[in-house]
Amino acid sequence: MQEQEQQLLQSVEALIFASEEPVTLQTVSRITGRSLRQSDLDEVVEALNRDYEATGRTFRIRSIAGGYRFLTEPDYADLVRRLLAPVIQRRLSRSMLEVLAVVAWHQPVTKGDIQQIRGVSPDYSIDRLLERGLIEVRGRADSPGRPLQYGTTTGFLDLFHLPSLKDLPKLREIREILREHEEQQYLASAGEQMPADEDDNG
């Protein structure tokens, strides 16, 4: 019995480690061929996390977007953020982040609603966000012309490591995050310019 339990622990760990998306109960049951309840999977995850904690690992398995993913512990978040910052910047521009934020907090929302909130056309950002699977069409509004309405996807929850939309940060927190992001960008650009300035003075 213990051997089977250990095999299940290792199987779940391997699946979550290898997957690029949150691993759900259905995925684990289908691939392992075992009939599991959500409580069974929760117990497996708790057992793995206890082992990670006992051995001083810098990561844990967390519930994200209806499934499970490996996430770095908060103490190492800044370290990982500096590593991934260039990748995130390539993926989402400032305007795309702003449109995504409006969709997240006001969904379902139309292009007209977004433009009214931001003051500029969201067409380009909406097209890119749809391509990246971060937002989706949710239907049509009852207003004249029946414009399309947009909402976020599970891919959005996964990207921002949110268990559900209930866990969205407040607007005030987002403003602080954006301000911190702008300060980091300024410091980074200043750092990149320093060697050139020194050479000019030399």
N, C-alpha and C. Protein backbone atom coordinates (compact mmCIF):
# COMPACT_ATOMS: atom_id res chain seq x y z
N MET A 1 0.83 -1.21 0.00
CA MET A 1 0.00 0.00 0.00
C MET A 1 0.87 1.25 0.00
N GLN A 2 1.94 1.23 0.84
CA GLN A 2 2.82 2.38 0.91
C GLN A 2 3.52 2.61 -0.42
N GLU A 3 3.86 1.54 -1.11
CA GLU A 3 4.51 1.66 -2.41
C GLU A 3 3.59 2.34 -3.43
N GLN A 4 2.30 1.99 -3.38
CA GLN A 4 1.33 2.61 -4.29
C GLN A 4 1.16 4.09 -3.97
N GLU A 5 1.13 4.42 -2.68
CA GLU A 5 0.99 5.82 -2.27
C GLU A 5 2.20 6.63 -2.72
N GLN A 6 3.39 6.05 -2.56
CA GLN A 6 4.61 6.73 -2.98
C GLN A 6 4.64 6.93 -4.49
N GLN A 7 4.16 5.92 -5.20
CA GLN A 7 4.10 6.03 -6.66
C GLN A 7 3.14 7.13 -7.10
N LEU A 8 2.01 7.27 -6.38
CA LEU A 8 1.06 8.32 -6.70
C LEU A 8 1.68 9.69 -6.41
N LEU A 9 2.37 9.82 -5.28
CA LEU A 9 3.04 11.07 -4.95
C LEU A 9 4.01 11.47 -6.06
N GLN A 10 4.81 10.51 -6.49
CA GLN A 10 5.81 10.80 -7.52
C GLN A 10 5.16 11.11 -8.86
N SER A 11 4.06 10.42 -9.16
CA SER A 11 3.36 10.66 -10.42
C SER A 11 2.77 12.06 -10.47
N VAL A 12 2.11 12.46 -9.39
CA VAL A 12 1.52 13.80 -9.32
C VAL A 12 2.61 14.86 -9.41
N GLU A 13 3.70 14.66 -8.69
CA GLU A 13 4.81 15.60 -8.72
C GLU A 13 5.37 15.74 -10.13
N ALA A 14 5.55 14.61 -10.82
CA ALA A 14 6.10 14.63 -12.17
C ALA A 14 5.17 15.35 -13.14
N LEU A 15 3.87 15.11 -13.02
CA LEU A 15 2.91 15.73 -13.93
C LEU A 15 2.87 17.25 -13.75
N ILE A 16 2.85 17.69 -12.49
CA ILE A 16 2.80 19.12 -12.22
C ILE A 16 4.10 19.79 -12.65
N PHE A 17 5.21 19.11 -12.43
CA PHE A 17 6.52 19.66 -12.81
C PHE A 17 6.64 19.82 -14.32
N ALA A 18 6.14 18.84 -15.06
CA ALA A 18 6.33 18.84 -16.52
C ALA A 18 5.31 19.68 -17.28
N SER A 19 4.16 19.95 -16.66
CA SER A 19 3.08 20.63 -17.37
C SER A 19 3.31 22.15 -17.45
N GLU A 20 2.94 22.72 -18.59
CA GLU A 20 3.01 24.17 -18.76
C GLU A 20 1.72 24.84 -18.31
N GLU A 21 0.72 24.04 -17.96
CA GLU A 21 -0.57 24.56 -17.50
C GLU A 21 -0.91 23.95 -16.14
N PRO A 22 -1.80 24.58 -15.39
CA PRO A 22 -2.22 23.98 -14.12
C PRO A 22 -2.78 22.58 -14.33
N VAL A 23 -2.37 21.64 -13.51
CA VAL A 23 -2.78 20.24 -13.64
C VAL A 23 -4.04 20.01 -12.80
N THR A 24 -5.09 19.55 -13.42
CA THR A 24 -6.36 19.35 -12.75
C THR A 24 -6.53 17.90 -12.28
N LEU A 25 -7.56 17.69 -11.45
CA LEU A 25 -7.90 16.35 -10.99
C LEU A 25 -8.19 15.44 -12.17
N GLN A 26 -8.93 15.94 -13.15
CA GLN A 26 -9.28 15.14 -14.32
C GLN A 26 -8.03 14.69 -15.07
N THR A 27 -7.05 15.58 -15.19
CA THR A 27 -5.81 15.25 -15.89
C THR A 27 -5.04 14.16 -15.16
N VAL A 28 -4.92 14.30 -13.85
CA VAL A 28 -4.20 13.31 -13.04
C VAL A 28 -4.88 11.94 -13.14
N SER A 29 -6.20 11.92 -13.00
CA SER A 29 -6.95 10.66 -13.06
C SER A 29 -6.82 10.00 -14.43
N ARG A 30 -6.90 10.80 -15.48
CA ARG A 30 -6.83 10.25 -16.84
C ARG A 30 -5.46 9.67 -17.14
N ILE A 31 -4.41 10.38 -16.77
CA ILE A 31 -3.07 9.94 -17.13
C ILE A 31 -2.57 8.80 -16.24
N THR A 32 -2.91 8.86 -14.95
CA THR A 32 -2.45 7.80 -14.04
C THR A 32 -3.35 6.57 -14.09
N GLY A 33 -4.58 6.75 -14.61
CA GLY A 33 -5.51 5.63 -14.66
C GLY A 33 -6.11 5.30 -13.30
N ARG A 34 -6.02 6.22 -12.37
CA ARG A 34 -6.56 6.00 -11.03
C ARG A 34 -7.78 6.88 -10.80
N SER A 35 -8.79 6.31 -10.17
CA SER A 35 -10.01 7.04 -9.87
C SER A 35 -9.80 7.80 -8.56
N LEU A 36 -9.58 9.12 -8.67
CA LEU A 36 -9.27 9.93 -7.51
C LEU A 36 -10.36 10.96 -7.24
N ARG A 37 -10.56 11.27 -5.97
CA ARG A 37 -11.43 12.37 -5.58
C ARG A 37 -10.57 13.61 -5.39
N GLN A 38 -11.21 14.78 -5.38
CA GLN A 38 -10.45 16.01 -5.17
C GLN A 38 -9.74 15.97 -3.82
N SER A 39 -10.39 15.40 -2.82
CA SER A 39 -9.77 15.32 -1.50
C SER A 39 -8.52 14.45 -1.53
N ASP A 40 -8.52 13.40 -2.38
CA ASP A 40 -7.33 12.55 -2.51
C ASP A 40 -6.16 13.34 -3.07
N LEU A 41 -6.45 14.11 -4.13
CA LEU A 41 -5.39 14.91 -4.75
C LEU A 41 -4.89 15.99 -3.81
N ASP A 42 -5.81 16.60 -3.06
CA ASP A 42 -5.42 17.62 -2.09
C ASP A 42 -4.47 17.03 -1.04
N GLU A 43 -4.74 15.81 -0.60
CA GLU A 43 -3.88 15.16 0.40
C GLU A 43 -2.51 14.88 -0.18
N VAL A 44 -2.45 14.49 -1.45
CA VAL A 44 -1.16 14.24 -2.11
C VAL A 44 -0.34 15.52 -2.17
N VAL A 45 -0.99 16.60 -2.57
CA VAL A 45 -0.32 17.90 -2.67
C VAL A 45 0.18 18.35 -1.30
N GLU A 46 -0.64 18.18 -0.28
CA GLU A 46 -0.24 18.56 1.07
C GLU A 46 0.97 17.75 1.53
N ALA A 47 0.99 16.46 1.21
CA ALA A 47 2.11 15.60 1.58
C ALA A 47 3.39 16.04 0.87
N LEU A 48 3.28 16.37 -0.41
CA LEU A 48 4.45 16.84 -1.16
C LEU A 48 4.95 18.15 -0.59
N ASN A 49 4.05 19.06 -0.27
CA ASN A 49 4.45 20.36 0.28
C ASN A 49 5.11 20.21 1.65
N ARG A 50 4.62 19.27 2.45
CA ARG A 50 5.27 19.03 3.76
C ARG A 50 6.71 18.57 3.55
N ASP A 51 6.91 17.74 2.55
CA ASP A 51 8.26 17.25 2.26
C ASP A 51 9.15 18.39 1.76
N TYR A 52 8.60 19.26 0.90
CA TYR A 52 9.38 20.39 0.41
C TYR A 52 9.77 21.33 1.55
N GLU A 53 8.82 21.54 2.48
CA GLU A 53 9.11 22.42 3.61
C GLU A 53 10.17 21.81 4.52
N ALA A 54 10.05 20.51 4.77
CA ALA A 54 10.99 19.84 5.67
C ALA A 54 12.41 19.83 5.10
N THR A 55 12.52 19.81 3.79
CA THR A 55 13.85 19.76 3.16
C THR A 55 14.33 21.12 2.67
N GLY A 56 13.59 22.18 3.03
CA GLY A 56 14.04 23.53 2.73
C GLY A 56 13.95 23.93 1.27
N ARG A 57 13.00 23.34 0.54
CA ARG A 57 12.86 23.68 -0.87
C ARG A 57 12.34 25.12 -1.01
N THR A 58 12.67 25.77 -2.14
CA THR A 58 12.27 27.15 -2.36
C THR A 58 10.96 27.27 -3.13
N PHE A 59 10.25 26.17 -3.27
CA PHE A 59 8.99 26.16 -4.03
C PHE A 59 7.95 25.32 -3.31
N ARG A 60 6.69 25.52 -3.69
CA ARG A 60 5.57 24.71 -3.21
C ARG A 60 4.61 24.51 -4.36
N ILE A 61 3.71 23.54 -4.21
CA ILE A 61 2.63 23.34 -5.18
C ILE A 61 1.43 24.15 -4.70
N ARG A 62 0.89 25.01 -5.58
CA ARG A 62 -0.22 25.87 -5.21
C ARG A 62 -1.41 25.67 -6.14
N SER A 63 -2.60 25.95 -5.60
CA SER A 63 -3.83 25.86 -6.39
C SER A 63 -3.96 27.12 -7.24
N ILE A 64 -3.97 26.92 -8.57
CA ILE A 64 -4.02 28.03 -9.51
C ILE A 64 -5.00 27.71 -10.64
N ALA A 65 -5.94 28.60 -10.91
CA ALA A 65 -6.84 28.49 -12.07
C ALA A 65 -7.49 27.11 -12.18
N GLY A 66 -7.93 26.56 -11.05
CA GLY A 66 -8.62 25.28 -11.08
C GLY A 66 -7.73 24.06 -11.12
N GLY A 67 -6.42 24.26 -11.01
CA GLY A 67 -5.48 23.14 -11.02
C GLY A 67 -4.31 23.42 -10.09
N TYR A 68 -3.19 22.72 -10.31
CA TYR A 68 -2.02 22.88 -9.45
C TYR A 68 -0.78 23.20 -10.27
N ARG A 69 0.07 24.09 -9.71
CA ARG A 69 1.33 24.45 -10.34
C ARG A 69 2.40 24.61 -9.28
N PHE A 70 3.67 24.47 -9.69
CA PHE A 70 4.78 24.80 -8.82
C PHE A 70 4.97 26.31 -8.82
N LEU A 71 5.08 26.92 -7.63
CA LEU A 71 5.35 28.34 -7.50
C LEU A 71 6.50 28.55 -6.52
N THR A 72 7.32 29.55 -6.81
CA THR A 72 8.42 29.90 -5.91
C THR A 72 7.87 30.51 -4.64
N GLU A 73 8.52 30.26 -3.52
CA GLU A 73 8.12 30.85 -2.25
C GLU A 73 8.30 32.37 -2.28
N PRO A 74 7.45 33.11 -1.55
CA PRO A 74 7.49 34.58 -1.57
C PRO A 74 8.87 35.17 -1.27
N ASP A 75 9.66 34.53 -0.42
CA ASP A 75 10.98 35.06 -0.08
C ASP A 75 11.89 35.18 -1.29
N TYR A 76 11.60 34.41 -2.34
CA TYR A 76 12.45 34.41 -3.54
C TYR A 76 11.76 35.06 -4.73
N ALA A 77 10.62 35.69 -4.46
CA ALA A 77 9.82 36.28 -5.55
C ALA A 77 10.59 37.38 -6.28
N ASP A 78 11.29 38.24 -5.53
CA ASP A 78 12.01 39.34 -6.16
C ASP A 78 13.13 38.82 -7.05
N LEU A 79 13.80 37.79 -6.60
CA LEU A 79 14.88 37.17 -7.37
C LEU A 79 14.36 36.64 -8.69
N VAL A 80 13.27 35.89 -8.63
CA VAL A 80 12.68 35.32 -9.84
C VAL A 80 12.09 36.40 -10.73
N ARG A 81 11.51 37.45 -10.11
CA ARG A 81 10.93 38.54 -10.89
C ARG A 81 11.99 39.22 -11.75
N ARG A 82 13.21 39.41 -11.19
CA ARG A 82 14.28 40.03 -11.96
C ARG A 82 14.70 39.14 -13.13
N LEU A 83 14.63 37.83 -12.92
CA LEU A 83 14.98 36.90 -13.99
C LEU A 83 13.96 36.94 -15.11
N LEU A 84 12.66 36.99 -14.74
CA LEU A 84 11.59 36.87 -15.73
C LEU A 84 11.10 38.21 -16.28
N ALA A 85 11.53 39.32 -15.71
CA ALA A 85 11.03 40.63 -16.13
C ALA A 85 11.15 40.87 -17.63
N PRO A 86 12.29 40.58 -18.26
CA PRO A 86 12.38 40.81 -19.72
C PRO A 86 11.37 39.98 -20.50
N VAL A 87 11.09 38.75 -20.06
CA VAL A 87 10.14 37.88 -20.75
C VAL A 87 8.74 38.45 -20.64
N ILE A 88 8.36 38.88 -19.43
CA ILE A 88 7.02 39.43 -19.21
C ILE A 88 6.84 40.71 -20.02
N GLN A 89 7.89 41.55 -20.09
CA GLN A 89 7.78 42.79 -20.85
C GLN A 89 7.57 42.51 -22.32
N ARG A 90 8.23 41.47 -22.85
CA ARG A 90 8.04 41.12 -24.25
C ARG A 90 6.63 40.61 -24.49
N ARG A 91 6.05 39.99 -23.50
CA ARG A 91 4.75 39.38 -23.68
C ARG A 91 3.61 40.39 -23.58
N LEU A 92 3.74 41.35 -22.66
CA LEU A 92 2.64 42.28 -22.43
C LEU A 92 3.16 43.71 -22.33
N SER A 93 2.70 44.57 -23.23
CA SER A 93 3.05 45.99 -23.16
C SER A 93 2.23 46.66 -22.07
N ARG A 94 2.59 47.90 -21.75
CA ARG A 94 1.85 48.66 -20.73
C ARG A 94 0.38 48.83 -21.13
N SER A 95 0.13 49.17 -22.40
CA SER A 95 -1.25 49.37 -22.85
C SER A 95 -2.04 48.08 -22.78
N MET A 96 -1.41 46.95 -23.10
CA MET A 96 -2.09 45.66 -23.02
C MET A 96 -2.43 45.33 -21.57
N LEU A 97 -1.51 45.63 -20.66
CA LEU A 97 -1.77 45.38 -19.24
C LEU A 97 -2.94 46.22 -18.75
N GLU A 98 -3.00 47.47 -19.21
CA GLU A 98 -4.10 48.36 -18.78
C GLU A 98 -5.45 47.84 -19.28
N VAL A 99 -5.49 47.43 -20.55
CA VAL A 99 -6.74 46.89 -21.10
C VAL A 99 -7.11 45.60 -20.38
N LEU A 100 -6.12 44.76 -20.12
CA LEU A 100 -6.38 43.50 -19.42
C LEU A 100 -6.94 43.76 -18.03
N ALA A 101 -6.42 44.79 -17.36
CA ALA A 101 -6.90 45.13 -16.02
C ALA A 101 -8.36 45.58 -16.07
N VAL A 102 -8.70 46.40 -17.07
CA VAL A 102 -10.09 46.87 -17.22
C VAL A 102 -11.02 45.68 -17.46
N VAL A 103 -10.62 44.78 -18.33
CA VAL A 103 -11.44 43.59 -18.62
C VAL A 103 -11.62 42.76 -17.35
N ALA A 104 -10.53 42.57 -16.62
CA ALA A 104 -10.57 41.73 -15.42
C ALA A 104 -11.54 42.28 -14.37
N TRP A 105 -11.51 43.59 -14.15
CA TRP A 105 -12.32 44.17 -13.07
C TRP A 105 -13.75 44.51 -13.46
N HIS A 106 -13.97 44.68 -14.77
CA HIS A 106 -15.29 45.12 -15.20
C HIS A 106 -16.03 44.10 -16.07
N GLN A 107 -15.48 42.92 -16.24
CA GLN A 107 -16.08 41.93 -17.15
C GLN A 107 -17.48 41.50 -16.73
N PRO A 108 -18.35 41.19 -17.73
CA PRO A 108 -18.09 41.30 -19.17
C PRO A 108 -18.12 42.76 -19.61
N VAL A 109 -17.21 43.13 -20.53
CA VAL A 109 -17.04 44.53 -20.90
C VAL A 109 -16.87 44.64 -22.41
N THR A 110 -17.36 45.73 -23.00
CA THR A 110 -17.25 45.94 -24.44
C THR A 110 -16.06 46.86 -24.76
N LYS A 111 -15.71 46.93 -26.05
CA LYS A 111 -14.65 47.85 -26.47
C LYS A 111 -15.00 49.28 -26.11
N GLY A 112 -16.29 49.63 -26.28
CA GLY A 112 -16.73 50.98 -25.94
C GLY A 112 -16.54 51.29 -24.47
N ASP A 113 -16.83 50.31 -23.61
CA ASP A 113 -16.64 50.49 -22.17
C ASP A 113 -15.17 50.73 -21.85
N ILE A 114 -14.30 49.92 -22.49
CA ILE A 114 -12.86 50.04 -22.24
C ILE A 114 -12.35 51.39 -22.70
N GLN A 115 -12.80 51.83 -23.88
CA GLN A 115 -12.36 53.12 -24.40
C GLN A 115 -12.82 54.26 -23.50
N GLN A 116 -14.01 54.14 -22.96
CA GLN A 116 -14.54 55.18 -22.06
C GLN A 116 -13.70 55.26 -20.79
N ILE A 117 -13.24 54.13 -20.30
CA ILE A 117 -12.44 54.11 -19.07
C ILE A 117 -11.02 54.61 -19.32
N ARG A 118 -10.41 54.16 -20.45
CA ARG A 118 -9.00 54.49 -20.72
C ARG A 118 -8.82 55.76 -21.54
N GLY A 119 -9.84 56.12 -22.34
CA GLY A 119 -9.74 57.33 -23.14
C GLY A 119 -9.09 57.14 -24.49
N VAL A 120 -8.65 55.92 -24.82
CA VAL A 120 -8.06 55.63 -26.12
C VAL A 120 -8.62 54.32 -26.65
N SER A 121 -8.49 54.10 -27.96
CA SER A 121 -9.02 52.89 -28.57
C SER A 121 -8.26 51.65 -28.08
N PRO A 122 -8.98 50.60 -27.69
CA PRO A 122 -8.33 49.38 -27.20
C PRO A 122 -8.19 48.30 -28.29
N ASP A 123 -8.49 48.63 -29.55
CA ASP A 123 -8.57 47.62 -30.61
C ASP A 123 -7.32 46.75 -30.70
N TYR A 124 -6.15 47.40 -30.78
CA TYR A 124 -4.90 46.65 -30.94
C TYR A 124 -4.67 45.72 -29.75
N SER A 125 -4.82 46.25 -28.54
CA SER A 125 -4.56 45.46 -27.33
C SER A 125 -5.53 44.29 -27.23
N ILE A 126 -6.79 44.52 -27.57
CA ILE A 126 -7.77 43.43 -27.50
C ILE A 126 -7.40 42.32 -28.48
N ASP A 127 -6.99 42.69 -29.71
CA ASP A 127 -6.59 41.68 -30.68
C ASP A 127 -5.42 40.85 -30.17
N ARG A 128 -4.43 41.52 -29.58
CA ARG A 128 -3.24 40.79 -29.07
C ARG A 128 -3.61 39.91 -27.87
N LEU A 129 -4.46 40.42 -26.99
CA LEU A 129 -4.86 39.64 -25.82
C LEU A 129 -5.69 38.42 -26.20
N LEU A 130 -6.51 38.57 -27.24
CA LEU A 130 -7.28 37.43 -27.76
C LEU A 130 -6.33 36.39 -28.34
N GLU A 131 -5.33 36.83 -29.09
CA GLU A 131 -4.35 35.92 -29.69
C GLU A 131 -3.60 35.13 -28.62
N ARG A 132 -3.30 35.78 -27.52
CA ARG A 132 -2.53 35.15 -26.44
C ARG A 132 -3.40 34.34 -25.49
N GLY A 133 -4.71 34.34 -25.72
CA GLY A 133 -5.60 33.53 -24.91
C GLY A 133 -5.82 34.06 -23.51
N LEU A 134 -5.60 35.36 -23.30
CA LEU A 134 -5.79 35.94 -21.97
C LEU A 134 -7.20 36.48 -21.78
N ILE A 135 -7.88 36.82 -22.89
CA ILE A 135 -9.28 37.21 -22.83
C ILE A 135 -10.05 36.43 -23.89
N GLU A 136 -11.37 36.43 -23.77
CA GLU A 136 -12.21 35.72 -24.72
C GLU A 136 -13.54 36.46 -24.88
N VAL A 137 -14.25 36.16 -25.97
CA VAL A 137 -15.56 36.75 -26.19
C VAL A 137 -16.57 36.04 -25.30
N ARG A 138 -17.36 36.82 -24.57
CA ARG A 138 -18.34 36.26 -23.63
C ARG A 138 -19.77 36.39 -24.12
N GLY A 139 -19.97 36.98 -25.28
CA GLY A 139 -21.32 37.17 -25.79
C GLY A 139 -21.49 38.58 -26.32
N ARG A 140 -22.73 39.04 -26.40
CA ARG A 140 -23.02 40.38 -26.90
C ARG A 140 -23.84 41.16 -25.87
N ALA A 141 -23.58 42.46 -25.82
CA ALA A 141 -24.31 43.34 -24.91
C ALA A 141 -25.70 43.63 -25.47
N ASP A 142 -26.62 44.03 -24.60
CA ASP A 142 -27.98 44.36 -25.02
C ASP A 142 -28.09 45.79 -25.55
N SER A 143 -26.98 46.53 -25.55
CA SER A 143 -26.99 47.92 -26.01
C SER A 143 -27.07 47.99 -27.54
N PRO A 144 -27.36 49.16 -28.11
CA PRO A 144 -27.49 49.30 -29.56
C PRO A 144 -26.26 48.76 -30.31
N GLY A 145 -26.54 48.01 -31.38
CA GLY A 145 -25.46 47.42 -32.15
C GLY A 145 -24.98 46.09 -31.59
N ARG A 146 -25.45 45.76 -30.40
CA ARG A 146 -25.08 44.51 -29.73
C ARG A 146 -23.57 44.22 -29.85
N PRO A 147 -22.73 45.11 -29.27
CA PRO A 147 -21.28 44.90 -29.35
C PRO A 147 -20.83 43.67 -28.57
N LEU A 148 -19.68 43.13 -28.97
CA LEU A 148 -19.12 41.97 -28.28
C LEU A 148 -18.68 42.34 -26.87
N GLN A 149 -18.84 41.38 -25.97
CA GLN A 149 -18.37 41.55 -24.59
C GLN A 149 -17.19 40.61 -24.35
N TYR A 150 -16.24 41.09 -23.53
CA TYR A 150 -15.02 40.33 -23.29
C TYR A 150 -14.84 40.02 -21.80
N GLY A 151 -14.19 38.89 -21.54
CA GLY A 151 -13.87 38.50 -20.17
C GLY A 151 -12.52 37.79 -20.17
N THR A 152 -11.97 37.57 -18.99
CA THR A 152 -10.67 36.90 -18.89
C THR A 152 -10.83 35.38 -18.97
N THR A 153 -9.72 34.69 -19.22
CA THR A 153 -9.69 33.24 -19.36
C THR A 153 -8.94 32.61 -18.20
N THR A 154 -8.92 31.27 -18.16
CA THR A 154 -8.08 30.58 -17.17
C THR A 154 -6.61 30.84 -17.44
N GLY A 155 -6.27 31.14 -18.71
CA GLY A 155 -4.89 31.51 -19.03
C GLY A 155 -4.46 32.78 -18.33
N PHE A 156 -5.40 33.71 -18.16
CA PHE A 156 -5.12 34.94 -17.40
C PHE A 156 -4.83 34.61 -15.94
N LEU A 157 -5.67 33.76 -15.35
CA LEU A 157 -5.45 33.36 -13.96
C LEU A 157 -4.09 32.68 -13.80
N ASP A 158 -3.75 31.84 -14.76
CA ASP A 158 -2.48 31.12 -14.70
C ASP A 158 -1.30 32.07 -14.78
N LEU A 159 -1.36 33.03 -15.72
CA LEU A 159 -0.25 33.96 -15.91
C LEU A 159 0.04 34.77 -14.66
N PHE A 160 -1.03 35.18 -13.96
CA PHE A 160 -0.84 36.01 -12.77
C PHE A 160 -0.94 35.22 -11.47
N HIS A 161 -0.93 33.89 -11.59
CA HIS A 161 -0.92 33.00 -10.42
C HIS A 161 -2.07 33.29 -9.47
N LEU A 162 -3.28 33.39 -10.04
CA LEU A 162 -4.48 33.65 -9.25
C LEU A 162 -5.35 32.41 -9.18
N PRO A 163 -5.73 31.96 -7.98
CA PRO A 163 -6.63 30.81 -7.87
C PRO A 163 -7.98 31.07 -8.54
N SER A 164 -8.50 32.31 -8.41
CA SER A 164 -9.78 32.67 -9.02
C SER A 164 -9.85 34.18 -9.13
N LEU A 165 -10.90 34.68 -9.79
CA LEU A 165 -11.07 36.12 -9.94
C LEU A 165 -11.31 36.81 -8.60
N LYS A 166 -11.73 36.06 -7.59
CA LYS A 166 -11.93 36.63 -6.26
C LYS A 166 -10.61 37.12 -5.68
N ASP A 167 -9.49 36.60 -6.21
CA ASP A 167 -8.18 36.94 -5.68
C ASP A 167 -7.51 38.09 -6.43
N LEU A 168 -8.25 38.77 -7.32
CA LEU A 168 -7.69 39.92 -8.01
C LEU A 168 -7.25 40.98 -7.00
N PRO A 169 -6.05 41.55 -7.19
CA PRO A 169 -5.63 42.62 -6.28
C PRO A 169 -6.51 43.85 -6.46
N LYS A 170 -6.58 44.68 -5.42
CA LYS A 170 -7.39 45.89 -5.50
C LYS A 170 -6.70 46.91 -6.42
N LEU A 171 -7.50 47.86 -6.92
CA LEU A 171 -6.95 48.87 -7.83
C LEU A 171 -5.77 49.61 -7.21
N ARG A 172 -5.87 49.90 -5.92
CA ARG A 172 -4.78 50.61 -5.24
C ARG A 172 -3.49 49.79 -5.29
N GLU A 173 -3.60 48.48 -5.10
CA GLU A 173 -2.43 47.62 -5.14
C GLU A 173 -1.83 47.57 -6.53
N ILE A 174 -2.70 47.57 -7.55
CA ILE A 174 -2.21 47.55 -8.92
C ILE A 174 -1.46 48.82 -9.25
N ARG A 175 -1.98 49.97 -8.78
CA ARG A 175 -1.28 51.24 -9.00
C ARG A 175 0.12 51.19 -8.39
N GLU A 176 0.22 50.60 -7.19
CA GLU A 176 1.53 50.50 -6.53
C GLU A 176 2.45 49.59 -7.33
N ILE A 177 1.91 48.49 -7.86
CA ILE A 177 2.71 47.56 -8.65
C ILE A 177 3.22 48.25 -9.91
N LEU A 178 2.32 49.00 -10.59
CA LEU A 178 2.72 49.71 -11.81
C LEU A 178 3.77 50.77 -11.51
N ARG A 179 3.62 51.49 -10.40
CA ARG A 179 4.58 52.52 -10.03
C ARG A 179 5.94 51.88 -9.74
N GLU A 180 5.94 50.75 -9.03
CA GLU A 180 7.18 50.04 -8.75
C GLU A 180 7.82 49.55 -10.04
N HIS A 181 6.97 49.07 -10.97
CA HIS A 181 7.46 48.59 -12.25
C HIS A 181 8.14 49.71 -13.03
N GLU A 182 7.53 50.91 -13.03
CA GLU A 182 8.10 52.05 -13.73
C GLU A 182 9.43 52.47 -13.10
N GLU A 183 9.51 52.44 -11.76
CA GLU A 183 10.76 52.78 -11.09
C GLU A 183 11.87 51.80 -11.45
N GLN A 184 11.53 50.51 -11.50
CA GLN A 184 12.53 49.49 -11.85
C GLN A 184 13.00 49.66 -13.28
N GLN A 185 12.06 50.01 -14.18
CA GLN A 185 12.44 50.24 -15.58
C GLN A 185 13.38 51.43 -15.69
N TYR A 186 13.11 52.50 -14.92
CA TYR A 186 13.95 53.70 -14.95
C TYR A 186 15.36 53.36 -14.45
N LEU A 187 15.43 52.64 -13.33
CA LEU A 187 16.72 52.27 -12.76
C LEU A 187 17.50 51.37 -13.71
N ALA A 188 16.79 50.45 -14.36
CA ALA A 188 17.44 49.54 -15.30
C ALA A 188 18.00 50.31 -16.49
N SER A 189 17.21 51.26 -17.02
CA SER A 189 17.67 52.03 -18.17
C SER A 189 18.83 52.93 -17.78
N ALA A 190 18.77 53.48 -16.55
CA ALA A 190 19.87 54.32 -16.08
C ALA A 190 21.14 53.51 -15.93
N GLY A 191 20.96 52.27 -15.44
CA GLY A 191 22.11 51.39 -15.27
C GLY A 191 22.75 51.02 -16.59
N GLU A 192 21.91 50.84 -17.61
CA GLU A 192 22.44 50.49 -18.93
C GLU A 192 23.19 51.66 -19.55
N GLN A 193 22.81 52.90 -19.19
CA GLN A 193 23.44 54.07 -19.79
C GLN A 193 24.73 54.46 -19.09
N MET A 194 24.93 54.03 -17.84
CA MET A 194 26.07 54.47 -17.07
C MET A 194 27.42 54.17 -17.72
N PRO A 195 27.68 52.96 -18.21
CA PRO A 195 28.97 52.69 -18.82
C PRO A 195 29.25 53.62 -19.99
N ALA A 196 28.25 53.92 -20.82
CA ALA A 196 28.43 54.79 -21.96
C ALA A 196 28.79 56.20 -21.48
N ASP A 197 28.10 56.68 -20.44
CA ASP A 197 28.38 58.02 -19.91
C ASP A 197 29.81 58.11 -19.39
N GLU A 198 30.24 57.05 -18.69
CA GLU A 198 31.59 57.04 -18.13
C GLU A 198 32.64 57.07 -19.24
N ASP A 199 32.34 56.30 -20.33
CA ASP A 199 33.28 56.30 -21.44
C ASP A 199 33.37 57.67 -22.09
N ASP A 200 32.22 58.36 -22.20
CA ASP A 200 32.21 59.67 -22.81
C ASP A 200 33.04 60.66 -21.99
N ASN A 201 32.92 60.53 -20.64
CA ASN A 201 33.65 61.46 -19.79
C ASN A 201 35.14 61.16 -19.77
N GLY A 202 35.44 59.86 -20.01
CA GLY A 202 36.85 59.46 -19.99
C GLY A 202 37.50 59.94 -21.25
